[in-house]
Amino acid sequence: MLGFGTAGSLLAAGLIVWSVFTYNLLIKYKNLMKEAWSGIDVQLKRRADLIPNLVEAVKGYKQFERNTLEEVTALRAKTISAEGPQDKSGPENAISRSLKSIFAVVEAYPELKASQSFLDLHKNLVEIEDNLQMARRYYNGTVRDYNILSQTFPSSMIAGSFHFDKAEFFEIELATERQVTEVKI
C-alpha cells in the first residue's frame, strides 16, 4: 500500500509531466501557426508581384479609371510593409476590392478582356487566390486548434502562465469571388 508521501510524490511527478507535455503541445501549435502563416504570406507576395503587371496591362486603355489603378498600386505598397495577420488583413481586403473593381470595369472593354496578356494575368490571379484560400484554411485550422488548447481547462493554466495568447484568424476577401446576384421577383 502506498503511503501519503509516495502518493503525493506520484501526483507531483504526474503534474510535472502533464505540464511539460502541455507546454510542448502549445509550442507545437504555435510553430504550426507560424508555418501556416508563411504559406499565406507566400501567396500574398505572389499576388502583390502580379499587381504591377495587371496595372500595366490595363493602363493603356485611356478611358480606364486611373484612380483605381493608383489606389491598387498604393495598397500594394502598404501590404508589402505590413506584418502578421492583423496588420495584413485590412490592406489585403482593400486590394481585393480594388481588383474586383478593375475586373468589373474590364467587362466594358472587350478588346482588353480578349487580350492574351490580360487573360494570362487573370488566370495567374485565379490560381494564386485558390492557393491563398487553401493556405488560409490551413492557417485558420491551426489557429483553431491552438486556441482550443490554450483556452480550455486545464491546459489554459499552462498557457496563461507562459503567455500563450489567443491567436487571431485571418479573413480575407478574394478578388476572384463573385458577388451573389440578388434576384427580385
C-alpha atoms as a PDB file:
ATOM      1  CA  MET A   1       0.000   0.000   0.000  1.00  0.00           C
ATOM      2  CA  LEU A   2       1.269   3.428  -0.945  1.00  0.00           C
ATOM      3  CA  GLY A   3       1.776   5.983   1.792  1.00  0.00           C
ATOM      4  CA  PHE A   4       0.682   9.585   1.620  1.00  0.00           C
ATOM      5  CA  GLY A   5       4.237  10.702   0.819  1.00  0.00           C
ATOM      6  CA  THR A   6       4.532   8.277  -2.078  1.00  0.00           C
ATOM      7  CA  ALA A   7       1.101   9.186  -3.470  1.00  0.00           C
ATOM      8  CA  GLY A   8       1.947  12.885  -3.145  1.00  0.00           C
ATOM      9  CA  SER A   9       5.231  12.341  -4.946  1.00  0.00           C
ATOM     10  CA  LEU A  10       3.492  10.463  -7.757  1.00  0.00           C
ATOM     11  CA  LEU A  11       0.878  13.214  -8.050  1.00  0.00           C
ATOM     12  CA  ALA A  12       3.571  15.889  -8.162  1.00  0.00           C
ATOM     13  CA  ALA A  13       5.524  13.926 -10.778  1.00  0.00           C
ATOM     14  CA  GLY A  14       2.339  13.429 -12.801  1.00  0.00           C
ATOM     15  CA  LEU A  15       1.589  17.174 -12.703  1.00  0.00           C
ATOM     16  CA  ILE A  16       5.119  17.989 -13.825  1.00  0.00           C
ATOM     17  CA  VAL A  17       4.925  15.509 -16.705  1.00  0.00           C
ATOM     18  CA  TRP A  18       1.491  16.845 -17.724  1.00  0.00           C
ATOM     19  CA  SER A  19       2.745  20.469 -17.516  1.00  0.00           C
ATOM     20  CA  VAL A  20       5.763  19.728 -19.712  1.00  0.00           C
ATOM     21  CA  PHE A  21       3.599  17.809 -22.189  1.00  0.00           C
ATOM     22  CA  THR A  22       1.033  20.648 -22.366  1.00  0.00           C
ATOM     23  CA  TYR A  23       3.746  23.293 -22.734  1.00  0.00           C
ATOM     24  CA  ASN A  24       5.360  21.334 -25.583  1.00  0.00           C
ATOM     25  CA  LEU A  25       1.968  20.897 -27.262  1.00  0.00           C
ATOM     26  CA  LEU A  26       1.392  24.663 -27.104  1.00  0.00           C
ATOM     27  CA  ILE A  27       4.831  25.232 -28.659  1.00  0.00           C
ATOM     28  CA  LYS A  28       3.992  22.718 -31.390  1.00  0.00           C
ATOM     29  CA  TYR A  29       0.738  24.505 -32.283  1.00  0.00           C
ATOM     30  CA  LYS A  30       2.425  27.903 -32.186  1.00  0.00           C
ATOM     31  CA  ASN A  31       5.058  26.664 -34.650  1.00  0.00           C
ATOM     32  CA  LEU A  32       2.367  25.127 -36.867  1.00  0.00           C
ATOM     33  CA  MET A  33       0.664  28.537 -36.951  1.00  0.00           C
ATOM     34  CA  LYS A  34       3.933  30.208 -37.979  1.00  0.00           C
ATOM     35  CA  GLU A  35       4.416  27.651 -40.727  1.00  0.00           C
ATOM     36  CA  ALA A  36       0.819  28.079 -41.884  1.00  0.00           C
ATOM     37  CA  TRP A  37       1.182  31.867 -41.897  1.00  0.00           C
ATOM     38  CA  SER A  38       4.263  31.574 -44.100  1.00  0.00           C
ATOM     39  CA  GLY A  39       2.094  29.735 -46.662  1.00  0.00           C
ATOM     40  CA  ILE A  40      -0.351  32.645 -46.695  1.00  0.00           C
ATOM     41  CA  ASP A  41       2.474  35.151 -46.865  1.00  0.00           C
ATOM     42  CA  VAL A  42       3.978  33.450 -49.924  1.00  0.00           C
ATOM     43  CA  GLN A  43       0.641  33.645 -51.776  1.00  0.00           C
ATOM     44  CA  LEU A  44       0.105  37.282 -50.755  1.00  0.00           C
ATOM     45  CA  LYS A  45       3.562  38.139 -52.098  1.00  0.00           C
ATOM     46  CA  ARG A  46       2.813  36.319 -55.346  1.00  0.00           C
ATOM     47  CA  ARG A  47      -0.403  38.343 -55.668  1.00  0.00           C
ATOM     48  CA  ALA A  48       1.441  41.582 -54.871  1.00  0.00           C
ATOM     49  CA  ASP A  49       4.030  40.757 -57.544  1.00  0.00           C
ATOM     50  CA  LEU A  50       1.248  40.249 -60.083  1.00  0.00           C
ATOM     51  CA  ILE A  51      -0.359  43.670 -59.467  1.00  0.00           C
ATOM     52  CA  PRO A  52       2.191  45.816 -61.393  1.00  0.00           C
ATOM     53  CA  ASN A  53       1.749  43.580 -64.450  1.00  0.00           C
ATOM     54  CA  LEU A  54      -2.034  43.833 -64.166  1.00  0.00           C
ATOM     55  CA  VAL A  55      -1.830  47.621 -63.870  1.00  0.00           C
ATOM     56  CA  GLU A  56       0.435  47.759 -66.949  1.00  0.00           C
ATOM     57  CA  ALA A  57      -1.958  45.568 -68.942  1.00  0.00           C
ATOM     58  CA  VAL A  58      -4.946  47.830 -68.348  1.00  0.00           C
ATOM     59  CA  LYS A  59      -3.136  51.190 -68.193  1.00  0.00           C
ATOM     60  CA  GLY A  60      -3.051  51.526 -71.968  1.00  0.00           C
ATOM     61  CA  TYR A  61      -6.812  51.968 -72.143  1.00  0.00           C
ATOM     62  CA  LYS A  62      -7.234  55.730 -71.921  1.00  0.00           C
ATOM     63  CA  GLN A  63     -10.729  55.638 -70.509  1.00  0.00           C
ATOM     64  CA  PHE A  64      -9.730  53.147 -67.819  1.00  0.00           C
ATOM     65  CA  GLU A  65     -10.148  54.553 -64.317  1.00  0.00           C
ATOM     66  CA  ARG A  66      -6.795  55.999 -63.339  1.00  0.00           C
ATOM     67  CA  ASN A  67      -7.851  56.372 -59.670  1.00  0.00           C
ATOM     68  CA  THR A  68      -8.465  52.637 -59.363  1.00  0.00           C
ATOM     69  CA  LEU A  69      -5.012  51.845 -60.749  1.00  0.00           C
ATOM     70  CA  GLU A  70      -3.329  54.356 -58.436  1.00  0.00           C
ATOM     71  CA  GLU A  71      -5.295  53.018 -55.462  1.00  0.00           C
ATOM     72  CA  VAL A  72      -4.339  49.402 -56.087  1.00  0.00           C
ATOM     73  CA  THR A  73      -0.685  50.406 -56.504  1.00  0.00           C
ATOM     74  CA  ALA A  74      -0.713  52.356 -53.211  1.00  0.00           C
ATOM     75  CA  LEU A  75      -2.442  49.491 -51.411  1.00  0.00           C
ATOM     76  CA  ARG A  76       0.165  47.064 -52.735  1.00  0.00           C
ATOM     77  CA  ALA A  77       2.914  49.156 -51.134  1.00  0.00           C
ATOM     78  CA  LYS A  78       1.013  49.171 -47.845  1.00  0.00           C
ATOM     79  CA  THR A  79       0.538  45.389 -47.788  1.00  0.00           C
ATOM     80  CA  ILE A  80       4.199  44.716 -48.532  1.00  0.00           C
ATOM     81  CA  SER A  81       5.237  46.617 -45.403  1.00  0.00           C
ATOM     82  CA  ALA A  82       2.549  45.039 -43.169  1.00  0.00           C
ATOM     83  CA  GLU A  83       3.493  42.147 -40.878  1.00  0.00           C
ATOM     84  CA  GLY A  84       1.274  39.405 -39.485  1.00  0.00           C
ATOM     85  CA  PRO A  85      -2.387  38.511 -39.870  1.00  0.00           C
ATOM     86  CA  GLN A  86      -3.866  41.515 -38.058  1.00  0.00           C
ATOM     87  CA  ASP A  87      -1.818  44.108 -39.959  1.00  0.00           C
ATOM     88  CA  LYS A  88      -2.272  42.489 -43.382  1.00  0.00           C
ATOM     89  CA  SER A  89      -5.986  41.755 -43.203  1.00  0.00           C
ATOM     90  CA  GLY A  90      -7.279  45.309 -43.792  1.00  0.00           C
ATOM     91  CA  PRO A  91      -4.971  46.293 -46.668  1.00  0.00           C
ATOM     92  CA  GLU A  92      -5.313  42.872 -48.328  1.00  0.00           C
ATOM     93  CA  ASN A  93      -9.110  43.155 -48.262  1.00  0.00           C
ATOM     94  CA  ALA A  94      -8.830  46.649 -49.766  1.00  0.00           C
ATOM     95  CA  ILE A  95      -6.638  45.220 -52.568  1.00  0.00           C
ATOM     96  CA  SER A  96      -9.237  42.528 -53.211  1.00  0.00           C
ATOM     97  CA  ARG A  97     -11.979  45.159 -53.508  1.00  0.00           C
ATOM     98  CA  SER A  98      -9.803  47.222 -55.890  1.00  0.00           C
ATOM     99  CA  LEU A  99      -9.030  44.185 -58.033  1.00  0.00           C
ATOM    100  CA  LYS A 100     -12.743  43.337 -58.140  1.00  0.00           C
ATOM    101  CA  SER A 101     -13.496  46.846 -59.381  1.00  0.00           C
ATOM    102  CA  ILE A 102     -10.761  46.534 -62.033  1.00  0.00           C
ATOM    103  CA  PHE A 103     -12.297  43.278 -63.264  1.00  0.00           C
ATOM    104  CA  ALA A 104     -15.754  44.869 -63.244  1.00  0.00           C
ATOM    105  CA  VAL A 105     -14.520  47.781 -65.382  1.00  0.00           C
ATOM    106  CA  VAL A 106     -12.678  45.388 -67.714  1.00  0.00           C
ATOM    107  CA  GLU A 107     -16.073  43.972 -68.682  1.00  0.00           C
ATOM    108  CA  ALA A 108     -16.687  47.216 -70.612  1.00  0.00           C
ATOM    109  CA  TYR A 109     -13.550  46.678 -72.725  1.00  0.00           C
ATOM    110  CA  PRO A 110     -13.980  43.592 -74.912  1.00  0.00           C
ATOM    111  CA  GLU A 111     -10.590  44.047 -76.587  1.00  0.00           C
ATOM    112  CA  LEU A 112      -8.877  44.138 -73.165  1.00  0.00           C
ATOM    113  CA  LYS A 113     -10.899  41.159 -71.970  1.00  0.00           C
ATOM    114  CA  ALA A 114      -9.729  39.254 -75.052  1.00  0.00           C
ATOM    115  CA  SER A 115      -6.075  40.315 -74.692  1.00  0.00           C
ATOM    116  CA  GLN A 116      -3.845  37.285 -74.174  1.00  0.00           C
ATOM    117  CA  SER A 117      -1.637  39.057 -71.641  1.00  0.00           C
ATOM    118  CA  PHE A 118      -4.685  40.093 -69.590  1.00  0.00           C
ATOM    119  CA  LEU A 119      -6.128  36.578 -69.813  1.00  0.00           C
ATOM    120  CA  ASP A 120      -2.813  35.125 -68.597  1.00  0.00           C
ATOM    121  CA  LEU A 121      -2.708  37.589 -65.695  1.00  0.00           C
ATOM    122  CA  HIS A 122      -6.289  36.761 -64.756  1.00  0.00           C
ATOM    123  CA  LYS A 123      -5.538  33.037 -64.898  1.00  0.00           C
ATOM    124  CA  ASN A 124      -2.499  33.546 -62.643  1.00  0.00           C
ATOM    125  CA  LEU A 125      -4.553  35.599 -60.198  1.00  0.00           C
ATOM    126  CA  VAL A 126      -7.226  32.893 -60.016  1.00  0.00           C
ATOM    127  CA  GLU A 127      -4.535  30.276 -59.328  1.00  0.00           C
ATOM    128  CA  ILE A 128      -2.903  32.431 -56.647  1.00  0.00           C
ATOM    129  CA  GLU A 129      -6.216  33.116 -54.953  1.00  0.00           C
ATOM    130  CA  ASP A 130      -7.116  29.420 -54.977  1.00  0.00           C
ATOM    131  CA  ASN A 131      -3.791  28.693 -53.284  1.00  0.00           C
ATOM    132  CA  LEU A 132      -4.359  31.599 -50.901  1.00  0.00           C
ATOM    133  CA  GLN A 133      -7.741  30.206 -49.928  1.00  0.00           C
ATOM    134  CA  MET A 134      -6.218  26.781 -49.179  1.00  0.00           C
ATOM    135  CA  ALA A 135      -3.392  28.360 -47.171  1.00  0.00           C
ATOM    136  CA  ARG A 136      -5.904  30.485 -45.241  1.00  0.00           C
ATOM    137  CA  ARG A 137      -7.976  27.417 -44.381  1.00  0.00           C
ATOM    138  CA  TYR A 138      -4.885  25.586 -43.123  1.00  0.00           C
ATOM    139  CA  TYR A 139      -3.780  28.608 -41.076  1.00  0.00           C
ATOM    140  CA  ASN A 140      -7.222  29.121 -39.566  1.00  0.00           C
ATOM    141  CA  GLY A 141      -7.372  25.405 -38.695  1.00  0.00           C
ATOM    142  CA  THR A 142      -4.073  25.621 -36.820  1.00  0.00           C
ATOM    143  CA  VAL A 143      -5.280  28.785 -35.064  1.00  0.00           C
ATOM    144  CA  ARG A 144      -8.474  26.976 -34.043  1.00  0.00           C
ATOM    145  CA  ASP A 145      -6.539  24.025 -32.609  1.00  0.00           C
ATOM    146  CA  TYR A 146      -4.097  26.304 -30.779  1.00  0.00           C
ATOM    147  CA  ASN A 147      -6.897  28.453 -29.345  1.00  0.00           C
ATOM    148  CA  ILE A 148      -8.841  25.411 -28.172  1.00  0.00           C
ATOM    149  CA  LEU A 149      -5.776  24.066 -26.367  1.00  0.00           C
ATOM    150  CA  SER A 150      -4.767  27.426 -24.892  1.00  0.00           C
ATOM    151  CA  GLN A 151      -8.279  28.368 -23.748  1.00  0.00           C
ATOM    152  CA  THR A 152      -9.657  25.123 -22.329  1.00  0.00           C
ATOM    153  CA  PHE A 153      -9.153  23.956 -18.788  1.00  0.00           C
ATOM    154  CA  PRO A 154      -6.753  22.689 -17.500  1.00  0.00           C
ATOM    155  CA  SER A 155      -4.271  23.494 -20.303  1.00  0.00           C
ATOM    156  CA  SER A 156      -5.318  27.166 -20.077  1.00  0.00           C
ATOM    157  CA  MET A 157      -3.410  27.336 -16.765  1.00  0.00           C
ATOM    158  CA  ILE A 158      -0.148  26.492 -18.539  1.00  0.00           C
ATOM    159  CA  ALA A 159      -0.996  28.767 -21.480  1.00  0.00           C
ATOM    160  CA  GLY A 160      -1.752  31.678 -19.168  1.00  0.00           C
ATOM    161  CA  SER A 161       1.375  31.110 -17.071  1.00  0.00           C
ATOM    162  CA  PHE A 162       3.621  31.228 -20.148  1.00  0.00           C
ATOM    163  CA  HIS A 163       1.702  33.957 -22.044  1.00  0.00           C
ATOM    164  CA  PHE A 164       0.364  31.856 -24.880  1.00  0.00           C
ATOM    165  CA  ASP A 165      -2.136  34.490 -26.025  1.00  0.00           C
ATOM    166  CA  LYS A 166      -5.167  33.907 -28.194  1.00  0.00           C
ATOM    167  CA  ALA A 167      -4.320  33.877 -31.909  1.00  0.00           C
ATOM    168  CA  GLU A 168      -6.445  35.679 -34.486  1.00  0.00           C
ATOM    169  CA  PHE A 169      -7.962  34.086 -37.554  1.00  0.00           C
ATOM    170  CA  PHE A 170      -7.073  35.520 -40.963  1.00  0.00           C
ATOM    171  CA  GLU A 171     -10.058  36.564 -43.014  1.00  0.00           C
ATOM    172  CA  ILE A 172      -9.649  37.960 -46.485  1.00  0.00           C
ATOM    173  CA  GLU A 173     -11.912  38.621 -49.427  1.00  0.00           C
ATOM    174  CA  LEU A 174     -10.728  37.172 -52.689  1.00  0.00           C
ATOM    175  CA  ALA A 175     -10.767  39.324 -55.807  1.00  0.00           C
ATOM    176  CA  THR A 176     -11.949  36.397 -57.905  1.00  0.00           C
ATOM    177  CA  GLU A 177     -15.002  35.657 -55.748  1.00  0.00           C
ATOM    178  CA  ARG A 178     -18.149  36.668 -57.480  1.00  0.00           C
ATOM    179  CA  GLN A 179     -20.854  38.696 -55.849  1.00  0.00           C
ATOM    180  CA  VAL A 180     -24.051  36.767 -55.366  1.00  0.00           C
ATOM    181  CA  THR A 181     -26.601  38.385 -57.588  1.00  0.00           C
ATOM    182  CA  GLU A 182     -29.840  39.387 -55.953  1.00  0.00           C
ATOM    183  CA  VAL A 183     -32.927  38.067 -57.664  1.00  0.00           C
ATOM    184  CA  LYS A 184     -36.125  40.041 -57.231  1.00  0.00           C
ATOM    185  CA  ILE A 185     -39.449  38.504 -58.096  1.00  0.00           C
END
